[in-house]
Amino acid sequence: MLNSTDLKNGVTFLRNSKPYRVTKYSFIKMGRGGATVKLSAKNLENGATENISLSSNVKVEELTTSKKRLQYLYKNSEMAVFMDETSFEQVEIPVEVIGTALSFLKEGESIDVLFWENKALSVDIPPKVSLKVTETDPGVKGNSVSNLYKPATLENGLAIKVPLFIKAGDIIRVDTRTTVYVERVN
């Protein structure tokens, strides 16, 4: 059992028989009253984010999870298919559980998948990925101002804003949490 004050960012726990991962933690102590723990937690079964408020003396059940390195194969309209590289066993994960992380996965790429009781819950993608720009308007000579942006389409189909000096064929680094341009890769 975990005390509610131990539910820091990244900790997994069970609440109402559902698995959660803490994404934001805050401890609030008001005058003479009891302290409260406010959490923003992601439901690992359906991907929904919930705001949870607990008293500081409440205990929750700890969730034991395991990570396994799997290779991403393909996706269809409902499922993303991964393969264990040692046993060649295929694992299907619902697309809505993976969420926006799916747009950053490349076929054949190996990633860590989080499991709970042999059920795949989520994928761990790196915070920044390198992707190729497939389509964007050409930059005009002399446009060297760094705070002007133009639309661009990446190899995974994602549409983001990039600086004017980026051209089609460039490889750029994108923040996977915010889907924002970070830098050009040389």
N, C-alpha and C. Protein backbone atom coordinates (compact mmCIF):
# COMPACT_ATOMS: atom_id res chain seq x y z
N MET A 1 0.83 -1.18 0.00
CA MET A 1 0.00 0.00 0.00
C MET A 1 0.88 1.25 0.00
N LEU A 2 0.43 2.24 -0.74
CA LEU A 2 1.14 3.52 -0.82
C LEU A 2 0.34 4.60 -0.11
N ASN A 3 1.03 5.46 0.60
CA ASN A 3 0.40 6.62 1.18
C ASN A 3 0.15 7.62 0.05
N SER A 4 -0.92 8.39 0.13
CA SER A 4 -1.24 9.34 -0.95
C SER A 4 -0.15 10.39 -1.13
N THR A 5 0.63 10.66 -0.10
CA THR A 5 1.72 11.64 -0.24
C THR A 5 2.91 11.06 -1.00
N ASP A 6 2.93 9.76 -1.25
CA ASP A 6 4.00 9.12 -2.03
C ASP A 6 3.69 9.07 -3.52
N LEU A 7 2.55 9.58 -3.93
CA LEU A 7 2.13 9.51 -5.33
C LEU A 7 2.75 10.64 -6.15
N LYS A 8 4.05 10.59 -6.32
CA LYS A 8 4.78 11.60 -7.10
C LYS A 8 4.61 11.32 -8.60
N ASN A 9 5.11 12.22 -9.44
CA ASN A 9 4.99 12.07 -10.89
C ASN A 9 5.60 10.75 -11.36
N GLY A 10 4.85 10.01 -12.20
CA GLY A 10 5.34 8.77 -12.76
C GLY A 10 4.97 7.53 -11.97
N VAL A 11 4.47 7.68 -10.74
CA VAL A 11 4.10 6.53 -9.91
C VAL A 11 2.78 5.96 -10.40
N THR A 12 2.68 4.63 -10.44
CA THR A 12 1.45 3.96 -10.86
C THR A 12 0.74 3.40 -9.64
N PHE A 13 -0.60 3.45 -9.66
CA PHE A 13 -1.40 2.96 -8.53
C PHE A 13 -2.76 2.48 -9.02
N LEU A 14 -3.46 1.73 -8.17
CA LEU A 14 -4.80 1.25 -8.47
C LEU A 14 -5.82 2.07 -7.70
N ARG A 15 -6.89 2.45 -8.36
CA ARG A 15 -8.00 3.14 -7.71
C ARG A 15 -9.27 2.65 -8.35
N ASN A 16 -10.19 2.12 -7.55
CA ASN A 16 -11.43 1.51 -8.05
C ASN A 16 -11.14 0.42 -9.08
N SER A 17 -10.11 -0.38 -8.81
CA SER A 17 -9.68 -1.50 -9.67
C SER A 17 -9.22 -1.05 -11.06
N LYS A 18 -8.85 0.20 -11.20
CA LYS A 18 -8.34 0.71 -12.48
C LYS A 18 -6.93 1.24 -12.29
N PRO A 19 -6.04 0.98 -13.29
CA PRO A 19 -4.65 1.43 -13.17
C PRO A 19 -4.51 2.90 -13.57
N TYR A 20 -3.73 3.65 -12.78
CA TYR A 20 -3.47 5.07 -13.06
C TYR A 20 -1.97 5.34 -12.96
N ARG A 21 -1.53 6.37 -13.69
CA ARG A 21 -0.16 6.88 -13.57
C ARG A 21 -0.26 8.38 -13.29
N VAL A 22 0.46 8.83 -12.26
CA VAL A 22 0.43 10.23 -11.86
C VAL A 22 1.19 11.07 -12.88
N THR A 23 0.53 12.12 -13.38
CA THR A 23 1.20 13.04 -14.31
C THR A 23 1.51 14.37 -13.65
N LYS A 24 0.74 14.72 -12.60
CA LYS A 24 0.99 15.97 -11.88
C LYS A 24 0.59 15.78 -10.43
N TYR A 25 1.46 16.22 -9.52
CA TYR A 25 1.25 16.04 -8.08
C TYR A 25 1.36 17.38 -7.38
N SER A 26 0.44 17.66 -6.46
CA SER A 26 0.59 18.84 -5.60
C SER A 26 0.04 18.53 -4.21
N PHE A 27 0.76 19.02 -3.21
CA PHE A 27 0.42 18.81 -1.80
C PHE A 27 -0.05 20.14 -1.24
N ILE A 28 -1.26 20.16 -0.68
CA ILE A 28 -1.84 21.41 -0.21
C ILE A 28 -2.17 21.28 1.28
N LYS A 29 -1.61 22.17 2.07
CA LYS A 29 -1.85 22.22 3.52
C LYS A 29 -2.48 23.57 3.83
N MET A 30 -3.71 23.54 4.34
CA MET A 30 -4.45 24.77 4.62
C MET A 30 -4.61 24.95 6.12
N GLY A 31 -3.94 25.90 6.71
CA GLY A 31 -4.12 26.26 8.11
C GLY A 31 -4.18 25.08 9.06
N ARG A 32 -5.25 25.02 9.85
CA ARG A 32 -5.40 23.95 10.83
C ARG A 32 -5.99 22.67 10.25
N GLY A 33 -6.58 22.76 9.10
CA GLY A 33 -7.23 21.59 8.51
C GLY A 33 -6.23 20.56 8.05
N GLY A 34 -6.75 19.44 7.62
CA GLY A 34 -5.90 18.36 7.12
C GLY A 34 -5.34 18.70 5.75
N ALA A 35 -4.27 18.07 5.42
CA ALA A 35 -3.64 18.29 4.12
C ALA A 35 -4.35 17.46 3.04
N THR A 36 -4.29 17.97 1.82
CA THR A 36 -4.85 17.24 0.69
C THR A 36 -3.80 17.08 -0.39
N VAL A 37 -3.94 15.99 -1.12
CA VAL A 37 -3.07 15.69 -2.25
C VAL A 37 -3.93 15.80 -3.50
N LYS A 38 -3.55 16.69 -4.41
CA LYS A 38 -4.27 16.84 -5.67
C LYS A 38 -3.42 16.24 -6.77
N LEU A 39 -4.04 15.35 -7.54
CA LEU A 39 -3.34 14.63 -8.59
C LEU A 39 -4.02 14.85 -9.93
N SER A 40 -3.20 14.86 -10.95
CA SER A 40 -3.70 14.70 -12.30
C SER A 40 -3.14 13.34 -12.72
N ALA A 41 -4.04 12.39 -12.97
CA ALA A 41 -3.60 11.01 -13.23
C ALA A 41 -4.20 10.50 -14.53
N LYS A 42 -3.41 9.73 -15.26
CA LYS A 42 -3.85 9.16 -16.53
C LYS A 42 -4.34 7.75 -16.29
N ASN A 43 -5.57 7.47 -16.71
CA ASN A 43 -6.11 6.12 -16.65
C ASN A 43 -5.38 5.30 -17.72
N LEU A 44 -4.66 4.28 -17.31
CA LEU A 44 -3.83 3.53 -18.24
C LEU A 44 -4.62 2.56 -19.12
N GLU A 45 -5.89 2.33 -18.82
CA GLU A 45 -6.70 1.45 -19.66
C GLU A 45 -7.31 2.19 -20.84
N ASN A 46 -7.81 3.41 -20.61
CA ASN A 46 -8.48 4.11 -21.69
C ASN A 46 -7.80 5.41 -22.10
N GLY A 47 -6.73 5.82 -21.40
CA GLY A 47 -5.97 7.01 -21.77
C GLY A 47 -6.55 8.32 -21.27
N ALA A 48 -7.68 8.28 -20.57
CA ALA A 48 -8.31 9.52 -20.08
C ALA A 48 -7.52 10.08 -18.90
N THR A 49 -7.48 11.41 -18.79
CA THR A 49 -6.82 12.07 -17.68
C THR A 49 -7.88 12.54 -16.69
N GLU A 50 -7.65 12.24 -15.41
CA GLU A 50 -8.61 12.60 -14.37
C GLU A 50 -7.92 13.43 -13.29
N ASN A 51 -8.65 14.36 -12.71
CA ASN A 51 -8.17 15.12 -11.56
C ASN A 51 -8.71 14.43 -10.31
N ILE A 52 -7.80 14.05 -9.42
CA ILE A 52 -8.16 13.29 -8.22
C ILE A 52 -7.70 14.08 -7.00
N SER A 53 -8.56 14.16 -5.99
CA SER A 53 -8.21 14.82 -4.74
C SER A 53 -8.33 13.80 -3.62
N LEU A 54 -7.24 13.62 -2.86
CA LEU A 54 -7.20 12.64 -1.77
C LEU A 54 -6.75 13.31 -0.49
N SER A 55 -7.22 12.80 0.63
CA SER A 55 -6.73 13.26 1.92
C SER A 55 -5.31 12.72 2.10
N SER A 56 -4.50 13.43 2.86
CA SER A 56 -3.09 13.03 2.99
C SER A 56 -2.90 11.72 3.77
N ASN A 57 -3.92 11.26 4.48
CA ASN A 57 -3.77 10.02 5.23
C ASN A 57 -4.37 8.81 4.52
N VAL A 58 -4.85 8.97 3.30
CA VAL A 58 -5.44 7.88 2.52
C VAL A 58 -4.34 7.01 1.93
N LYS A 59 -4.59 5.71 1.91
CA LYS A 59 -3.65 4.77 1.29
C LYS A 59 -4.28 4.21 0.02
N VAL A 60 -3.45 4.03 -1.01
CA VAL A 60 -3.91 3.43 -2.27
C VAL A 60 -3.06 2.21 -2.56
N GLU A 61 -3.60 1.33 -3.37
CA GLU A 61 -2.89 0.10 -3.70
C GLU A 61 -1.84 0.36 -4.77
N GLU A 62 -0.63 -0.13 -4.52
CA GLU A 62 0.46 0.04 -5.47
C GLU A 62 0.24 -0.86 -6.67
N LEU A 63 0.57 -0.35 -7.83
CA LEU A 63 0.41 -1.10 -9.08
C LEU A 63 1.77 -1.61 -9.53
N THR A 64 1.87 -2.91 -9.70
CA THR A 64 3.13 -3.50 -10.15
C THR A 64 3.07 -3.65 -11.67
N THR A 65 3.92 -2.90 -12.34
CA THR A 65 3.96 -2.95 -13.80
C THR A 65 5.32 -3.45 -14.26
N SER A 66 5.38 -3.86 -15.50
CA SER A 66 6.65 -4.29 -16.08
C SER A 66 6.77 -3.69 -17.47
N LYS A 67 8.00 -3.49 -17.89
CA LYS A 67 8.26 -2.96 -19.23
C LYS A 67 8.87 -4.06 -20.08
N LYS A 68 8.49 -4.06 -21.33
CA LYS A 68 9.02 -5.03 -22.28
C LYS A 68 9.35 -4.30 -23.56
N ARG A 69 10.50 -4.61 -24.14
CA ARG A 69 10.94 -3.98 -25.39
C ARG A 69 10.27 -4.72 -26.55
N LEU A 70 9.47 -3.98 -27.33
CA LEU A 70 8.76 -4.57 -28.47
C LEU A 70 9.03 -3.75 -29.73
N GLN A 71 8.88 -4.41 -30.86
CA GLN A 71 9.07 -3.74 -32.15
C GLN A 71 7.70 -3.38 -32.73
N TYR A 72 7.55 -2.12 -33.13
CA TYR A 72 6.30 -1.66 -33.72
C TYR A 72 6.22 -2.17 -35.16
N LEU A 73 5.11 -2.84 -35.50
CA LEU A 73 4.94 -3.39 -36.84
C LEU A 73 4.04 -2.52 -37.72
N TYR A 74 2.77 -2.38 -37.32
CA TYR A 74 1.82 -1.62 -38.12
C TYR A 74 0.59 -1.30 -37.28
N LYS A 75 -0.31 -0.51 -37.86
CA LYS A 75 -1.58 -0.22 -37.19
C LYS A 75 -2.71 -0.33 -38.20
N ASN A 76 -3.89 -0.67 -37.67
CA ASN A 76 -5.10 -0.59 -38.47
C ASN A 76 -6.02 0.40 -37.78
N SER A 77 -7.29 0.43 -38.11
CA SER A 77 -8.17 1.46 -37.55
C SER A 77 -8.39 1.32 -36.05
N GLU A 78 -8.24 0.11 -35.50
CA GLU A 78 -8.54 -0.11 -34.08
C GLU A 78 -7.33 -0.49 -33.24
N MET A 79 -6.37 -1.17 -33.81
CA MET A 79 -5.25 -1.72 -33.04
C MET A 79 -3.89 -1.37 -33.64
N ALA A 80 -2.90 -1.25 -32.75
CA ALA A 80 -1.50 -1.13 -33.16
C ALA A 80 -0.85 -2.46 -32.81
N VAL A 81 -0.08 -3.00 -33.72
CA VAL A 81 0.50 -4.33 -33.53
C VAL A 81 2.00 -4.22 -33.28
N PHE A 82 2.45 -4.89 -32.21
CA PHE A 82 3.85 -4.92 -31.81
C PHE A 82 4.30 -6.36 -31.76
N MET A 83 5.63 -6.59 -31.86
CA MET A 83 6.17 -7.95 -31.83
C MET A 83 7.30 -8.04 -30.83
N ASP A 84 7.29 -9.10 -30.02
CA ASP A 84 8.39 -9.40 -29.12
C ASP A 84 9.54 -9.90 -29.98
N GLU A 85 10.71 -9.25 -29.86
CA GLU A 85 11.84 -9.57 -30.74
C GLU A 85 12.51 -10.90 -30.39
N THR A 86 12.23 -11.47 -29.22
CA THR A 86 12.84 -12.75 -28.86
C THR A 86 11.91 -13.93 -29.13
N SER A 87 10.63 -13.80 -28.78
CA SER A 87 9.70 -14.91 -28.97
C SER A 87 8.86 -14.77 -30.24
N PHE A 88 8.93 -13.62 -30.90
CA PHE A 88 8.16 -13.30 -32.11
C PHE A 88 6.65 -13.33 -31.87
N GLU A 89 6.25 -13.21 -30.62
CA GLU A 89 4.84 -13.15 -30.26
C GLU A 89 4.33 -11.74 -30.57
N GLN A 90 3.12 -11.65 -31.14
CA GLN A 90 2.56 -10.35 -31.47
C GLN A 90 1.59 -9.89 -30.39
N VAL A 91 1.63 -8.59 -30.10
CA VAL A 91 0.78 -7.98 -29.08
C VAL A 91 0.00 -6.86 -29.74
N GLU A 92 -1.32 -6.86 -29.53
CA GLU A 92 -2.17 -5.80 -30.07
C GLU A 92 -2.56 -4.85 -28.94
N ILE A 93 -2.42 -3.55 -29.21
CA ILE A 93 -2.79 -2.53 -28.23
C ILE A 93 -3.81 -1.61 -28.90
N PRO A 94 -4.95 -1.34 -28.24
CA PRO A 94 -5.93 -0.44 -28.84
C PRO A 94 -5.33 0.94 -29.13
N VAL A 95 -5.69 1.51 -30.27
CA VAL A 95 -5.16 2.80 -30.72
C VAL A 95 -5.48 3.91 -29.71
N GLU A 96 -6.68 3.87 -29.10
CA GLU A 96 -7.04 4.94 -28.16
C GLU A 96 -6.22 4.91 -26.88
N VAL A 97 -5.67 3.74 -26.51
CA VAL A 97 -4.80 3.66 -25.33
C VAL A 97 -3.45 4.33 -25.61
N ILE A 98 -2.92 4.14 -26.80
CA ILE A 98 -1.63 4.72 -27.16
C ILE A 98 -1.77 6.23 -27.38
N GLY A 99 -2.86 6.65 -27.95
CA GLY A 99 -3.13 8.08 -28.13
C GLY A 99 -2.22 8.73 -29.16
N THR A 100 -1.78 9.95 -28.85
CA THR A 100 -0.98 10.73 -29.80
C THR A 100 0.42 10.16 -29.99
N ALA A 101 0.87 9.30 -29.08
CA ALA A 101 2.20 8.71 -29.20
C ALA A 101 2.32 7.87 -30.47
N LEU A 102 1.20 7.37 -30.97
CA LEU A 102 1.21 6.52 -32.16
C LEU A 102 1.72 7.26 -33.39
N SER A 103 1.46 8.57 -33.48
CA SER A 103 1.91 9.31 -34.65
C SER A 103 3.42 9.50 -34.68
N PHE A 104 4.11 9.23 -33.57
CA PHE A 104 5.57 9.37 -33.53
C PHE A 104 6.30 8.05 -33.70
N LEU A 105 5.58 6.94 -33.84
CA LEU A 105 6.21 5.63 -34.01
C LEU A 105 6.47 5.35 -35.48
N LYS A 106 7.65 4.79 -35.76
CA LYS A 106 8.00 4.40 -37.11
C LYS A 106 7.99 2.88 -37.17
N GLU A 107 7.56 2.33 -38.30
CA GLU A 107 7.52 0.88 -38.46
C GLU A 107 8.92 0.31 -38.32
N GLY A 108 9.05 -0.77 -37.53
CA GLY A 108 10.33 -1.41 -37.31
C GLY A 108 11.09 -0.86 -36.13
N GLU A 109 10.59 0.20 -35.51
CA GLU A 109 11.26 0.83 -34.37
C GLU A 109 10.96 0.04 -33.09
N SER A 110 11.97 -0.10 -32.23
CA SER A 110 11.80 -0.79 -30.95
C SER A 110 11.52 0.23 -29.86
N ILE A 111 10.48 -0.05 -29.05
CA ILE A 111 10.11 0.85 -27.95
C ILE A 111 9.71 0.02 -26.73
N ASP A 112 9.64 0.69 -25.58
CA ASP A 112 9.23 0.04 -24.35
C ASP A 112 7.71 0.13 -24.21
N VAL A 113 7.09 -1.02 -23.88
CA VAL A 113 5.66 -1.07 -23.66
C VAL A 113 5.42 -1.44 -22.20
N LEU A 114 4.52 -0.72 -21.55
CA LEU A 114 4.20 -0.94 -20.15
C LEU A 114 3.09 -1.98 -20.03
N PHE A 115 3.33 -3.03 -19.21
CA PHE A 115 2.37 -4.10 -19.02
C PHE A 115 1.91 -4.18 -17.57
N TRP A 116 0.65 -4.58 -17.37
CA TRP A 116 0.09 -4.86 -16.05
C TRP A 116 -0.71 -6.15 -16.18
N GLU A 117 -0.26 -7.19 -15.48
CA GLU A 117 -0.90 -8.50 -15.54
C GLU A 117 -1.09 -8.96 -17.00
N ASN A 118 -0.03 -8.93 -17.78
CA ASN A 118 -0.01 -9.35 -19.19
C ASN A 118 -0.94 -8.53 -20.09
N LYS A 119 -1.34 -7.36 -19.64
CA LYS A 119 -2.17 -6.47 -20.45
C LYS A 119 -1.35 -5.22 -20.77
N ALA A 120 -1.21 -4.93 -22.06
CA ALA A 120 -0.44 -3.75 -22.48
C ALA A 120 -1.24 -2.49 -22.15
N LEU A 121 -0.56 -1.54 -21.48
CA LEU A 121 -1.24 -0.32 -21.04
C LEU A 121 -0.82 0.92 -21.82
N SER A 122 0.48 1.07 -22.08
CA SER A 122 0.94 2.28 -22.77
C SER A 122 2.31 2.03 -23.37
N VAL A 123 2.74 2.99 -24.19
CA VAL A 123 4.07 2.92 -24.79
C VAL A 123 4.89 4.10 -24.29
N ASP A 124 6.17 3.88 -24.10
CA ASP A 124 7.08 4.96 -23.68
C ASP A 124 7.87 5.41 -24.89
N ILE A 125 7.54 6.60 -25.37
CA ILE A 125 8.29 7.14 -26.50
C ILE A 125 9.26 8.19 -25.96
N PRO A 126 10.35 8.42 -26.67
CA PRO A 126 11.30 9.44 -26.19
C PRO A 126 10.66 10.83 -26.22
N PRO A 127 11.15 11.75 -25.38
CA PRO A 127 10.56 13.09 -25.35
C PRO A 127 10.76 13.88 -26.64
N LYS A 128 11.81 13.54 -27.41
CA LYS A 128 12.05 14.21 -28.68
C LYS A 128 12.39 13.16 -29.74
N VAL A 129 11.83 13.32 -30.94
CA VAL A 129 12.11 12.41 -32.05
C VAL A 129 12.53 13.22 -33.27
N SER A 130 13.31 12.57 -34.14
CA SER A 130 13.75 13.20 -35.39
C SER A 130 12.87 12.71 -36.52
N LEU A 131 12.31 13.64 -37.28
CA LEU A 131 11.43 13.30 -38.39
C LEU A 131 11.79 14.14 -39.61
N LYS A 132 11.52 13.58 -40.79
CA LYS A 132 11.84 14.24 -42.04
C LYS A 132 10.65 15.10 -42.49
N VAL A 133 10.95 16.31 -42.95
CA VAL A 133 9.92 17.21 -43.49
C VAL A 133 9.64 16.76 -44.92
N THR A 134 8.39 16.37 -45.21
CA THR A 134 8.06 15.92 -46.56
C THR A 134 7.49 17.04 -47.42
N GLU A 135 6.84 18.02 -46.78
CA GLU A 135 6.23 19.08 -47.57
C GLU A 135 6.19 20.37 -46.77
N THR A 136 6.66 21.44 -47.39
CA THR A 136 6.55 22.79 -46.82
C THR A 136 6.80 23.81 -47.92
N ASP A 137 6.33 25.01 -47.70
CA ASP A 137 6.57 26.08 -48.66
C ASP A 137 8.04 26.45 -48.62
N PRO A 138 8.62 26.84 -49.77
CA PRO A 138 10.03 27.25 -49.75
C PRO A 138 10.19 28.58 -49.01
N GLY A 139 11.34 28.69 -48.33
CA GLY A 139 11.65 29.94 -47.64
C GLY A 139 12.14 30.98 -48.64
N VAL A 140 11.83 32.22 -48.40
CA VAL A 140 12.26 33.30 -49.28
C VAL A 140 13.62 33.80 -48.79
N LYS A 141 14.55 34.05 -49.74
CA LYS A 141 15.88 34.52 -49.37
C LYS A 141 15.77 35.83 -48.60
N GLY A 142 16.48 35.88 -47.51
CA GLY A 142 16.44 37.05 -46.66
C GLY A 142 15.54 36.88 -45.45
N ASN A 143 14.74 35.82 -45.46
CA ASN A 143 13.88 35.54 -44.30
C ASN A 143 14.69 34.80 -43.24
N SER A 144 15.39 35.54 -42.45
CA SER A 144 16.21 34.93 -41.41
C SER A 144 15.69 35.24 -40.01
N VAL A 145 14.52 35.85 -39.96
CA VAL A 145 13.93 36.15 -38.66
C VAL A 145 13.51 34.82 -38.03
N SER A 146 13.90 34.60 -36.79
CA SER A 146 13.70 33.28 -36.18
C SER A 146 12.33 33.09 -35.55
N ASN A 147 11.52 34.14 -35.44
CA ASN A 147 10.24 33.95 -34.78
C ASN A 147 9.06 33.86 -35.74
N LEU A 148 9.32 33.73 -37.04
CA LEU A 148 8.26 33.54 -38.02
C LEU A 148 8.19 32.06 -38.38
N TYR A 149 6.97 31.52 -38.47
CA TYR A 149 6.79 30.10 -38.74
C TYR A 149 5.87 29.88 -39.93
N LYS A 150 6.03 28.71 -40.55
CA LYS A 150 5.20 28.31 -41.68
C LYS A 150 4.75 26.87 -41.46
N PRO A 151 3.66 26.44 -42.10
CA PRO A 151 3.20 25.06 -41.92
C PRO A 151 4.10 24.06 -42.65
N ALA A 152 4.23 22.86 -42.08
CA ALA A 152 5.01 21.80 -42.69
C ALA A 152 4.36 20.46 -42.38
N THR A 153 4.50 19.51 -43.30
CA THR A 153 4.01 18.16 -43.09
C THR A 153 5.21 17.24 -42.93
N LEU A 154 5.17 16.39 -41.90
CA LEU A 154 6.28 15.48 -41.61
C LEU A 154 6.00 14.10 -42.18
N GLU A 155 7.03 13.23 -42.16
CA GLU A 155 6.92 11.90 -42.74
C GLU A 155 5.83 11.04 -42.11
N ASN A 156 5.43 11.35 -40.87
CA ASN A 156 4.39 10.58 -40.21
C ASN A 156 3.00 11.18 -40.44
N GLY A 157 2.92 12.23 -41.27
CA GLY A 157 1.64 12.86 -41.58
C GLY A 157 1.28 14.00 -40.64
N LEU A 158 2.07 14.24 -39.64
CA LEU A 158 1.82 15.29 -38.67
C LEU A 158 2.07 16.66 -39.29
N ALA A 159 1.15 17.60 -39.05
CA ALA A 159 1.30 18.96 -39.55
C ALA A 159 1.68 19.86 -38.38
N ILE A 160 2.83 20.53 -38.48
CA ILE A 160 3.30 21.43 -37.43
C ILE A 160 3.81 22.72 -38.05
N LYS A 161 4.14 23.68 -37.20
CA LYS A 161 4.73 24.95 -37.65
C LYS A 161 6.26 24.86 -37.48
N VAL A 162 6.98 25.30 -38.52
CA VAL A 162 8.45 25.28 -38.50
C VAL A 162 8.97 26.66 -38.90
N PRO A 163 10.21 27.00 -38.53
CA PRO A 163 10.79 28.28 -38.95
C PRO A 163 10.90 28.38 -40.47
N LEU A 164 11.02 29.59 -40.97
CA LEU A 164 11.04 29.84 -42.42
C LEU A 164 12.22 29.19 -43.14
N PHE A 165 13.36 28.96 -42.45
CA PHE A 165 14.54 28.40 -43.13
C PHE A 165 14.46 26.89 -43.35
N ILE A 166 13.49 26.22 -42.80
CA ILE A 166 13.32 24.77 -42.99
C ILE A 166 12.75 24.52 -44.37
N LYS A 167 13.32 23.51 -45.07
CA LYS A 167 12.82 23.16 -46.40
C LYS A 167 12.49 21.67 -46.47
N ALA A 168 11.77 21.27 -47.49
CA ALA A 168 11.40 19.87 -47.67
C ALA A 168 12.67 19.02 -47.76
N GLY A 169 12.68 17.89 -47.07
CA GLY A 169 13.85 17.02 -47.04
C GLY A 169 14.70 17.19 -45.79
N ASP A 170 14.54 18.31 -45.08
CA ASP A 170 15.28 18.52 -43.82
C ASP A 170 14.77 17.56 -42.76
N ILE A 171 15.66 17.20 -41.87
CA ILE A 171 15.27 16.39 -40.71
C ILE A 171 15.25 17.32 -39.50
N ILE A 172 14.12 17.30 -38.79
CA ILE A 172 13.96 18.18 -37.64
C ILE A 172 13.65 17.36 -36.40
N ARG A 173 13.90 17.94 -35.25
CA ARG A 173 13.57 17.30 -33.97
C ARG A 173 12.28 17.93 -33.46
N VAL A 174 11.35 17.05 -33.02
CA VAL A 174 10.03 17.48 -32.56
C VAL A 174 9.82 16.99 -31.13
N ASP A 175 9.26 17.84 -30.27
CA ASP A 175 8.91 17.47 -28.91
C ASP A 175 7.63 16.63 -28.96
N THR A 176 7.69 15.37 -28.48
CA THR A 176 6.54 14.47 -28.58
C THR A 176 5.43 14.83 -27.60
N ARG A 177 5.73 15.55 -26.55
CA ARG A 177 4.71 15.91 -25.56
C ARG A 177 3.84 17.07 -26.04
N THR A 178 4.44 18.00 -26.81
CA THR A 178 3.70 19.19 -27.25
C THR A 178 3.56 19.28 -28.76
N THR A 179 4.17 18.38 -29.50
CA THR A 179 4.21 18.37 -30.98
C THR A 179 4.67 19.73 -31.53
N VAL A 180 5.75 20.25 -30.95
CA VAL A 180 6.31 21.53 -31.36
C VAL A 180 7.72 21.32 -31.90
N TYR A 181 8.08 22.09 -32.92
CA TYR A 181 9.42 22.07 -33.49
C TYR A 181 10.44 22.45 -32.41
N VAL A 182 11.57 21.70 -32.36
CA VAL A 182 12.63 22.02 -31.39
C VAL A 182 13.86 22.55 -32.11
N GLU A 183 14.38 21.77 -33.10
CA GLU A 183 15.58 22.19 -33.80
C GLU A 183 15.74 21.40 -35.09
N ARG A 184 16.64 21.90 -35.95
CA ARG A 184 16.99 21.17 -37.17
C ARG A 184 18.15 20.24 -36.85
N VAL A 185 18.10 19.01 -37.37
CA VAL A 185 19.16 18.03 -37.15
C VAL A 185 20.13 18.09 -38.33
N ASN A 186 21.42 18.17 -38.04
CA ASN A 186 22.42 18.23 -39.12
C ASN A 186 22.80 16.84 -39.59
